[in-house]
Amino acid sequence: MPVWAGGRRRPMPSLRPALGALLLVAAAVLAFYLKDPEASPSPGTAIAGPVERVVDGDTVLIAGNRVRLAGLDAPELGQACARADGTPWDCGAAARDRLRALLGRSAVSCGFRRTDRYGRPLVTCDLPDGSDPGAVLVAEGMAVAYGAYVAEEAAARRERLGMWQGQFVRPADWRRDRAGEDPTGNPSRFERLLGWLGQLLGS
């Protein structure tokens, strides 16, 4: 019904912008769920291309593919660790920044080993100098071993580097202790959809 104020008819707001945005989101959702599986990389192939974004200490967007480094677990963004003197530091942001520095913005090639239970590629990457960024992160104490890099973690522990300089909660335990979050740290399909929409809309 029209709304009257002071004897004048208040114009009704146009629904066209909202309807247009809703149709755009609906189309994006449909495209996400109907993506051709053959267009996606498969285990045993290489995922290569420019590093578009470093999401956190073990998750990277490469040529449109959101991948996770295999064999390690980095602290989450917002996770705090303690220095040797007990003062807190944001080890999650530090791990992300270190991985960003290692990868840079150049093209990178990663071997697609397998997928996790959420369908996310688990990869091992090679830097231009031939080094493995996953091994570097663990060796510097910016991530813990998670199926690989046991020797690198032992060296970081011994030298008290990165997170090993003081007290910290292992990333998997930190996630488990946060109410309502998946202890594996893997995104749900809905969360992956939101992330994909964000990439599509340029956020």
Protein backbone atom coordinates (compact mmCIF):
# COMPACT_ATOMS: atom_id res chain seq x y z
CA MET A 1 0.00 0.00 0.00
CA PRO A 2 1.25 3.55 -0.63
CA VAL A 3 2.53 5.38 2.42
CA TRP A 4 1.29 8.90 3.08
CA ALA A 5 3.29 11.44 5.04
CA GLY A 6 2.15 15.01 5.54
CA GLY A 7 -0.56 14.59 2.96
CA ARG A 8 1.91 13.54 0.27
CA ARG A 9 2.35 10.18 -1.25
CA ARG A 10 5.79 8.75 -0.48
CA PRO A 11 7.23 7.04 -3.58
CA MET A 12 7.82 3.35 -3.25
CA PRO A 13 11.47 2.28 -3.64
CA SER A 14 12.40 0.57 -6.88
CA LEU A 15 12.95 -3.16 -6.61
CA ARG A 16 14.89 -3.39 -9.87
CA PRO A 17 18.44 -3.06 -8.39
CA ALA A 18 17.74 -5.68 -5.73
CA LEU A 19 16.11 -7.98 -8.27
CA GLY A 20 19.08 -7.61 -10.61
CA ALA A 21 21.53 -8.45 -7.83
CA LEU A 22 19.44 -11.46 -6.83
CA LEU A 23 19.40 -12.76 -10.39
CA LEU A 24 23.18 -12.33 -10.63
CA VAL A 25 23.73 -14.32 -7.43
CA ALA A 26 21.31 -17.02 -8.60
CA ALA A 27 23.16 -17.32 -11.90
CA ALA A 28 26.50 -17.54 -10.10
CA VAL A 29 25.21 -20.27 -7.77
CA LEU A 30 23.87 -22.23 -10.73
CA ALA A 31 27.19 -21.91 -12.55
CA PHE A 32 29.06 -23.08 -9.45
CA TYR A 33 27.02 -26.24 -9.08
CA LEU A 34 26.95 -27.00 -12.80
CA LYS A 35 30.65 -26.51 -13.45
CA ASP A 36 32.04 -29.09 -15.85
CA PRO A 37 34.16 -31.47 -13.72
CA GLU A 38 36.39 -32.11 -16.74
CA ALA A 39 37.40 -28.45 -16.67
CA SER A 40 38.91 -28.90 -13.21
CA PRO A 41 42.38 -30.35 -12.67
CA SER A 42 42.66 -33.94 -11.53
CA PRO A 43 45.17 -35.67 -9.23
CA GLY A 44 48.46 -36.39 -10.95
CA THR A 45 48.38 -33.21 -13.01
CA ALA A 46 50.10 -29.89 -12.38
CA ILE A 47 48.33 -26.75 -11.29
CA ALA A 48 50.34 -23.89 -12.73
CA GLY A 49 49.82 -20.20 -13.15
CA PRO A 50 50.05 -16.88 -11.36
CA VAL A 51 49.59 -16.68 -7.61
CA GLU A 52 46.42 -14.64 -7.34
CA ARG A 53 46.07 -14.61 -3.56
CA VAL A 54 47.60 -16.16 -0.47
CA VAL A 55 44.60 -16.89 1.74
CA ASP A 56 46.50 -18.05 4.83
CA GLY A 57 49.64 -19.93 5.77
CA ASP A 58 48.75 -23.06 3.81
CA THR A 59 46.03 -22.04 1.35
CA VAL A 60 46.64 -20.31 -1.99
CA LEU A 61 44.61 -19.26 -5.01
CA ILE A 62 46.53 -20.22 -8.16
CA ALA A 63 45.07 -19.55 -11.61
CA GLY A 64 41.54 -19.75 -10.22
CA ASN A 65 42.20 -22.90 -8.19
CA ARG A 66 42.03 -22.75 -4.40
CA VAL A 67 44.66 -25.22 -3.22
CA ARG A 68 46.14 -26.27 0.10
CA LEU A 69 49.76 -27.16 0.69
CA ALA A 70 50.04 -30.83 1.57
CA GLY A 71 51.93 -32.25 4.53
CA LEU A 72 51.73 -29.27 6.88
CA ASP A 73 49.31 -27.29 9.00
CA ALA A 74 49.80 -23.55 9.46
CA PRO A 75 48.25 -21.46 12.23
CA GLU A 76 44.96 -19.84 11.38
CA LEU A 77 44.47 -16.13 10.83
CA GLY A 78 43.76 -14.59 14.20
CA GLN A 79 45.56 -17.35 16.07
CA ALA A 80 48.03 -16.06 18.65
CA CYS A 81 51.24 -17.72 19.78
CA ALA A 82 53.61 -16.75 22.58
CA ARG A 83 57.15 -15.49 22.11
CA ALA A 84 60.03 -16.72 24.26
CA ASP A 85 59.30 -13.97 26.80
CA GLY A 86 55.59 -14.82 26.88
CA THR A 87 54.34 -11.87 24.83
CA PRO A 88 51.70 -12.79 22.22
CA TRP A 89 52.17 -12.47 18.47
CA ASP A 90 49.84 -13.15 15.55
CA CYS A 91 51.47 -16.31 14.22
CA GLY A 92 48.59 -16.91 11.79
CA ALA A 93 49.17 -13.60 9.99
CA ALA A 94 52.94 -14.14 10.15
CA ALA A 95 52.61 -17.54 8.46
CA ARG A 96 50.44 -16.06 5.71
CA ASP A 97 52.87 -13.19 5.17
CA ARG A 98 55.84 -15.57 5.01
CA LEU A 99 54.12 -17.78 2.42
CA ARG A 100 53.19 -14.65 0.45
CA ALA A 101 56.83 -13.57 0.48
CA LEU A 102 58.00 -17.01 -0.64
CA LEU A 103 55.56 -17.28 -3.54
CA GLY A 104 55.55 -13.67 -4.65
CA ARG A 105 53.32 -12.82 -7.60
CA SER A 106 55.11 -14.86 -10.24
CA ALA A 107 53.78 -18.03 -11.84
CA VAL A 108 54.21 -21.18 -9.81
CA SER A 109 53.82 -24.88 -10.59
CA CYS A 110 52.35 -27.28 -8.05
CA GLY A 111 51.93 -31.02 -8.25
CA PHE A 112 48.34 -32.04 -7.55
CA ARG A 113 48.75 -35.04 -5.24
CA ARG A 114 45.19 -35.76 -4.12
CA THR A 115 42.04 -34.08 -2.86
CA ASP A 116 40.86 -33.81 0.69
CA ARG A 117 37.37 -34.91 1.67
CA TYR A 118 36.04 -31.49 0.69
CA GLY A 119 37.38 -31.81 -2.85
CA ARG A 120 40.14 -29.27 -2.32
CA PRO A 121 43.43 -30.04 -4.13
CA LEU A 122 46.37 -30.89 -1.87
CA VAL A 123 49.54 -29.81 -3.64
CA THR A 124 53.30 -29.63 -3.34
CA CYS A 125 54.84 -26.61 -5.04
CA ASP A 126 58.26 -25.73 -6.39
CA LEU A 127 59.77 -22.26 -6.09
CA PRO A 128 61.95 -20.86 -8.89
CA ASP A 129 65.07 -21.82 -6.93
CA GLY A 130 63.84 -25.40 -6.64
CA SER A 131 62.91 -25.21 -2.96
CA ASP A 132 59.61 -26.39 -1.50
CA PRO A 133 57.67 -23.60 0.27
CA GLY A 134 56.02 -26.15 2.54
CA ALA A 135 59.37 -27.40 3.73
CA VAL A 136 60.56 -23.81 4.28
CA LEU A 137 57.50 -22.92 6.38
CA VAL A 138 57.90 -25.96 8.64
CA ALA A 139 61.68 -25.53 8.91
CA GLU A 140 61.19 -21.91 10.01
CA GLY A 141 58.56 -22.87 12.58
CA MET A 142 55.75 -21.12 10.71
CA ALA A 143 53.78 -24.36 10.35
CA VAL A 144 53.77 -27.81 11.92
CA ALA A 145 54.27 -31.13 10.19
CA TYR A 146 51.04 -32.81 9.15
CA GLY A 147 51.93 -36.00 7.31
CA ALA A 148 55.30 -34.80 5.99
CA TYR A 149 58.24 -32.54 6.86
CA VAL A 150 58.99 -34.38 10.11
CA ALA A 151 62.72 -33.63 9.89
CA GLU A 152 62.04 -29.94 9.25
CA GLU A 153 59.79 -29.75 12.30
CA ALA A 154 62.39 -31.48 14.46
CA ALA A 155 65.01 -28.92 13.39
CA ALA A 156 62.66 -25.99 14.10
CA ARG A 157 61.88 -27.42 17.54
CA ARG A 158 65.55 -27.87 18.32
CA GLU A 159 66.42 -24.32 17.28
CA ARG A 160 63.22 -22.89 18.83
CA LEU A 161 62.21 -21.10 15.66
CA GLY A 162 58.88 -19.47 14.88
CA MET A 163 56.08 -20.98 16.94
CA TRP A 164 58.56 -23.21 18.78
CA GLN A 165 60.17 -20.23 20.54
CA GLY A 166 57.35 -20.22 23.09
CA GLN A 167 53.97 -21.75 23.86
CA PHE A 168 51.35 -22.31 21.17
CA VAL A 169 48.32 -24.46 20.44
CA ARG A 170 48.59 -26.70 17.41
CA PRO A 171 46.38 -25.33 14.61
CA ALA A 172 44.12 -28.40 14.53
CA ASP A 173 43.52 -28.14 18.30
CA TRP A 174 42.99 -24.38 18.05
CA ARG A 175 40.28 -24.91 15.42
CA ARG A 176 38.70 -27.70 17.46
CA ASP A 177 38.46 -25.46 20.50
CA ARG A 178 36.56 -22.79 18.60
CA ALA A 179 32.83 -23.43 18.93
CA GLY A 180 30.97 -24.23 15.73
CA GLU A 181 34.06 -24.64 13.56
CA ASP A 182 35.18 -27.72 11.69
CA PRO A 183 38.29 -29.06 13.49
CA THR A 184 39.87 -29.94 10.15
CA GLY A 185 39.88 -26.30 9.11
CA ASN A 186 38.40 -27.24 5.75
CA PRO A 187 35.62 -25.08 4.34
CA SER A 188 32.14 -26.46 3.88
CA ARG A 189 30.61 -26.51 0.40
CA PHE A 190 28.60 -23.42 1.32
CA GLU A 191 31.75 -21.63 2.51
CA ARG A 192 33.52 -22.59 -0.71
CA LEU A 193 30.55 -21.23 -2.63
CA LEU A 194 30.79 -17.93 -0.77
CA GLY A 195 34.52 -17.77 -1.47
CA TRP A 196 33.92 -18.51 -5.15
CA LEU A 197 31.28 -15.79 -5.32
CA GLY A 198 33.71 -13.38 -3.70
CA GLN A 199 36.30 -14.19 -6.35
CA LEU A 200 33.70 -13.81 -9.09
CA LEU A 201 32.60 -10.41 -7.83
CA GLY A 202 36.20 -9.28 -7.39
CA SER A 203 36.18 -8.99 -3.63
